[in-house]
Every structure is written in structure tokens, then in C-alpha cells.
Amino acid sequence: MKLYHGSDIIVMKPQILAANRLLDFGEGFYTTTNYDQAVRWAEKVSLRRNSAVQYINMYELEFDEVKGLLTIVEFKKPDEDWLEFICACRSGKSVGIDYDIVIGPVADDNVYTAVKLFETGVLDKEETIKRLKVEELFDQVLFHSEKALTFCKYTNAVQIGGNENG
């Protein structure tokens, strides 16, 4: 499986860093199988950090190899289980699952609005999921444990924007 990570730096050795905000699947190293999604992430990171450059870092994961070795949570679509999982992670609650990798749809800004409306009681689960199904959702692959990161093999990085010299 080819994976991408958008950033303002080259990340040859991924790490699990404590996030300064609550994310869809909790703390870890986020990647995607969608190159365009990684480009969007690189642009956002660059803006947030006021950086002059963006990179797409590329990795390989032998998914068939890790299936029997790691605990993997996979959400094929934005369903009730996915909604409950991301709501728990985004609120800082433990999801009660020890996992190494989480795979599933990205809750982008449009999705996040629906999730917030659900969390505040404006929408019920059924209406929230109905709204999520009309969105074009890209995937994300989160490496949640150090053990999982040992299977994430860096291949290369390409600069997609900006100027390394500032």
C-alpha cells in the first residue's frame, strides 16, 4: 500500500507526536492513500506553521504482512461506528480499544460541521450519517503505535510548493 503524508518538512522517520488539537483517530502519524489529500494537508500545515515550503512524503506499508501482527481498526465508510469513534477521539475520550493502525474516512471541514451538530444534539445519528454519505470522503491511515511505525517504510519525498530558502 502506497501512503502519503503532507507536511512542510521531509519526514524520513515518522514519529508519534502529541497533537496540540484533538484529531479524528487520536494521536499518531497520519497518512493517506490519496495524493491529492496529502497535497491539501501539506498546504494546511504550511499555512498553520507560516512555512515557505510543502512536501509530500511517501511510504510503503505491506498491509497483508501487518494484518496478523497488528491490531487494525478499519472503517470502510462513515457509519455509526465510525461516527462514535471519531467523536470519542475528538473529545479526548478513550475509545476503549488498543489499536496500532486505524483506517477510515477523513472528517473534513464539511464532515466536521455535521459531526459538531451531532455532538451538540442538533442532528441525530441517522441524519448525521445521511449527510456524511453525500460527501466525497478521502481516507486516512493512522499509525497509532511505535510498533506500527516500524512497518511504515519511507521511500521518498517531493517538494510541491514554496521555496526552501524562504
Protein backbone atom coordinates (compact mmCIF):
# COMPACT_ATOMS: atom_id res chain seq x y z
CA MET A 1 0.00 0.00 0.00
CA LYS A 2 1.44 3.37 -1.04
CA LEU A 3 0.89 6.10 1.55
CA TYR A 4 1.40 9.87 1.53
CA HIS A 5 1.98 12.41 4.29
CA GLY A 6 1.71 16.13 3.54
CA SER A 7 3.93 18.43 5.57
CA ASP A 8 6.27 21.40 5.47
CA ILE A 9 9.23 19.12 6.25
CA ILE A 10 10.66 15.87 4.94
CA VAL A 11 9.72 13.07 7.35
CA MET A 12 12.07 10.13 6.80
CA LYS A 13 11.48 8.70 10.27
CA PRO A 14 7.83 9.13 11.27
CA GLN A 15 7.08 9.69 14.93
CA ILE A 16 4.03 9.68 17.12
CA LEU A 17 3.82 13.19 18.48
CA ALA A 18 1.36 14.57 20.98
CA ALA A 19 -1.05 16.68 18.99
CA ASN A 20 -1.96 20.18 20.14
CA ARG A 21 -5.52 19.51 18.98
CA LEU A 22 -7.95 16.61 19.03
CA LEU A 23 -7.94 14.61 15.79
CA ASP A 24 -10.25 12.09 14.08
CA PHE A 25 -8.46 8.93 15.20
CA GLY A 26 -6.41 10.24 18.12
CA GLU A 27 -2.67 10.74 18.40
CA GLY A 28 -0.33 9.21 15.89
CA PHE A 29 1.21 9.62 12.47
CA TYR A 30 -1.41 10.37 9.81
CA THR A 31 -1.10 9.28 6.18
CA THR A 32 -3.47 8.77 3.26
CA THR A 33 -3.59 6.66 0.10
CA ASN A 34 -4.80 9.74 -1.82
CA TYR A 35 -2.06 12.01 -3.20
CA ASP A 36 -4.43 14.99 -3.60
CA GLN A 37 -5.49 14.70 0.05
CA ALA A 38 -1.81 14.79 1.08
CA VAL A 39 -1.34 17.94 -1.01
CA ARG A 40 -4.22 19.60 0.88
CA TRP A 41 -2.68 18.55 4.20
CA ALA A 42 0.73 19.95 3.18
CA GLU A 43 -0.87 23.27 2.23
CA LYS A 44 -2.74 23.46 5.56
CA VAL A 45 0.36 22.61 7.59
CA SER A 46 2.41 25.16 5.69
CA LEU A 47 -0.18 27.88 6.35
CA ARG A 48 -0.58 26.92 10.03
CA ARG A 49 3.19 26.99 10.60
CA ASN A 50 3.79 30.01 8.34
CA SER A 51 6.25 27.88 6.40
CA ALA A 52 7.64 28.63 2.97
CA VAL A 53 7.64 25.06 1.63
CA GLN A 54 5.45 21.96 1.27
CA TYR A 55 6.42 18.32 0.79
CA ILE A 56 4.66 15.08 0.03
CA ASN A 57 6.40 12.29 1.91
CA MET A 58 5.87 8.80 0.51
CA TYR A 59 5.84 5.47 2.30
CA GLU A 60 5.12 1.81 1.69
CA LEU A 61 3.11 -0.41 4.02
CA GLU A 62 2.91 -4.14 3.33
CA PHE A 63 -0.69 -4.32 4.51
CA ASP A 64 -1.09 -8.09 4.06
CA GLU A 65 2.03 -8.62 6.16
CA VAL A 66 0.84 -6.48 9.10
CA LYS A 67 -2.76 -7.77 9.25
CA GLY A 68 -1.85 -10.68 11.50
CA LEU A 69 0.77 -8.78 13.51
CA LEU A 70 -1.02 -5.56 14.45
CA THR A 71 -4.39 -4.55 15.81
CA ILE A 72 -6.11 -2.72 12.97
CA VAL A 73 -9.39 -0.84 13.15
CA GLU A 74 -10.83 -0.23 9.69
CA PHE A 75 -13.90 1.80 8.82
CA LYS A 76 -14.96 1.23 5.21
CA LYS A 77 -17.47 4.10 5.23
CA PRO A 78 -18.82 6.83 7.51
CA ASP A 79 -21.22 4.72 9.53
CA GLU A 80 -22.42 4.75 13.14
CA ASP A 81 -19.29 3.00 14.48
CA TRP A 82 -17.01 5.47 12.63
CA LEU A 83 -19.05 8.44 13.91
CA GLU A 84 -18.84 7.25 17.52
CA PHE A 85 -15.11 6.54 17.18
CA ILE A 86 -14.20 9.99 15.81
CA CYS A 87 -16.50 11.75 18.29
CA ALA A 88 -14.75 9.95 21.15
CA CYS A 89 -11.28 10.74 19.77
CA ARG A 90 -12.12 14.38 19.05
CA SER A 91 -13.47 14.84 22.56
CA GLY A 92 -10.34 13.32 24.12
CA LYS A 93 -12.10 10.22 25.42
CA SER A 94 -10.52 6.81 25.35
CA VAL A 95 -12.20 4.63 22.76
CA GLY A 96 -11.54 1.51 24.81
CA ILE A 97 -9.60 -0.16 22.00
CA ASP A 98 -5.89 -0.77 21.96
CA TYR A 99 -5.03 -0.34 18.30
CA ASP A 100 -1.92 0.02 16.19
CA ILE A 101 -3.45 1.31 12.95
CA VAL A 102 -6.78 2.98 12.17
CA ILE A 103 -8.04 3.29 8.59
CA GLY A 104 -11.12 5.19 7.54
CA PRO A 105 -12.68 8.28 6.04
CA VAL A 106 -11.34 11.75 6.83
CA ALA A 107 -13.72 14.05 8.65
CA ASP A 108 -13.01 17.17 6.59
CA ASP A 109 -14.46 20.62 7.33
CA ASN A 110 -17.91 19.79 5.89
CA VAL A 111 -17.97 16.49 7.75
CA TYR A 112 -16.74 18.17 10.92
CA THR A 113 -19.73 20.53 10.83
CA ALA A 114 -22.14 17.58 10.67
CA VAL A 115 -20.25 15.86 13.50
CA LYS A 116 -20.42 19.01 15.66
CA LEU A 117 -24.17 19.26 15.01
CA PHE A 118 -24.48 15.63 16.11
CA GLU A 119 -22.36 16.15 19.23
CA THR A 120 -24.47 19.13 20.30
CA GLY A 121 -27.72 17.24 19.74
CA VAL A 122 -28.94 19.22 16.72
CA LEU A 123 -28.74 16.13 14.49
CA ASP A 124 -29.43 12.52 15.40
CA LYS A 125 -27.17 9.65 14.25
CA GLU A 126 -29.31 8.76 11.26
CA GLU A 127 -29.44 12.32 9.88
CA THR A 128 -25.73 12.82 10.52
CA ILE A 129 -24.79 9.63 8.67
CA LYS A 130 -27.14 10.54 5.81
CA ARG A 131 -25.34 13.90 5.44
CA LEU A 132 -21.94 12.22 5.58
CA LYS A 133 -22.77 9.81 2.78
CA VAL A 134 -23.14 12.63 0.23
CA GLU A 135 -19.62 13.93 0.90
CA GLU A 136 -16.64 12.78 -1.16
CA LEU A 137 -14.53 11.37 1.63
CA PHE A 138 -10.85 10.58 1.31
CA ASP A 139 -9.17 8.05 3.54
CA GLN A 140 -6.64 8.38 6.27
CA VAL A 141 -4.33 5.75 7.70
CA LEU A 142 -3.19 6.46 11.25
CA PHE A 143 -0.16 4.79 12.78
CA HIS A 144 -1.07 4.86 16.46
CA SER A 145 1.77 2.81 17.97
CA GLU A 146 5.55 2.66 17.75
CA LYS A 147 5.18 -0.98 16.73
CA ALA A 148 3.02 0.05 13.76
CA LEU A 149 5.55 2.69 12.69
CA THR A 150 8.21 0.01 12.23
CA PHE A 151 6.19 -1.17 9.21
CA CYS A 152 5.89 2.31 7.65
CA LYS A 153 8.80 2.42 5.19
CA TYR A 154 9.88 5.82 3.86
CA THR A 155 10.55 5.80 0.11
CA ASN A 156 10.99 9.46 -0.88
CA ALA A 157 9.62 12.99 -0.73
CA VAL A 158 8.79 15.59 -3.34
CA GLN A 159 8.56 19.32 -2.90
CA ILE A 160 5.22 20.55 -4.18
CA GLY A 161 5.30 24.21 -3.35
CA GLY A 162 7.12 27.06 -1.77
CA ASN A 163 10.79 27.81 -1.63
CA GLU A 164 13.25 26.05 0.65
CA ASN A 165 15.24 29.24 1.02
CA GLY A 166 12.27 31.16 2.41
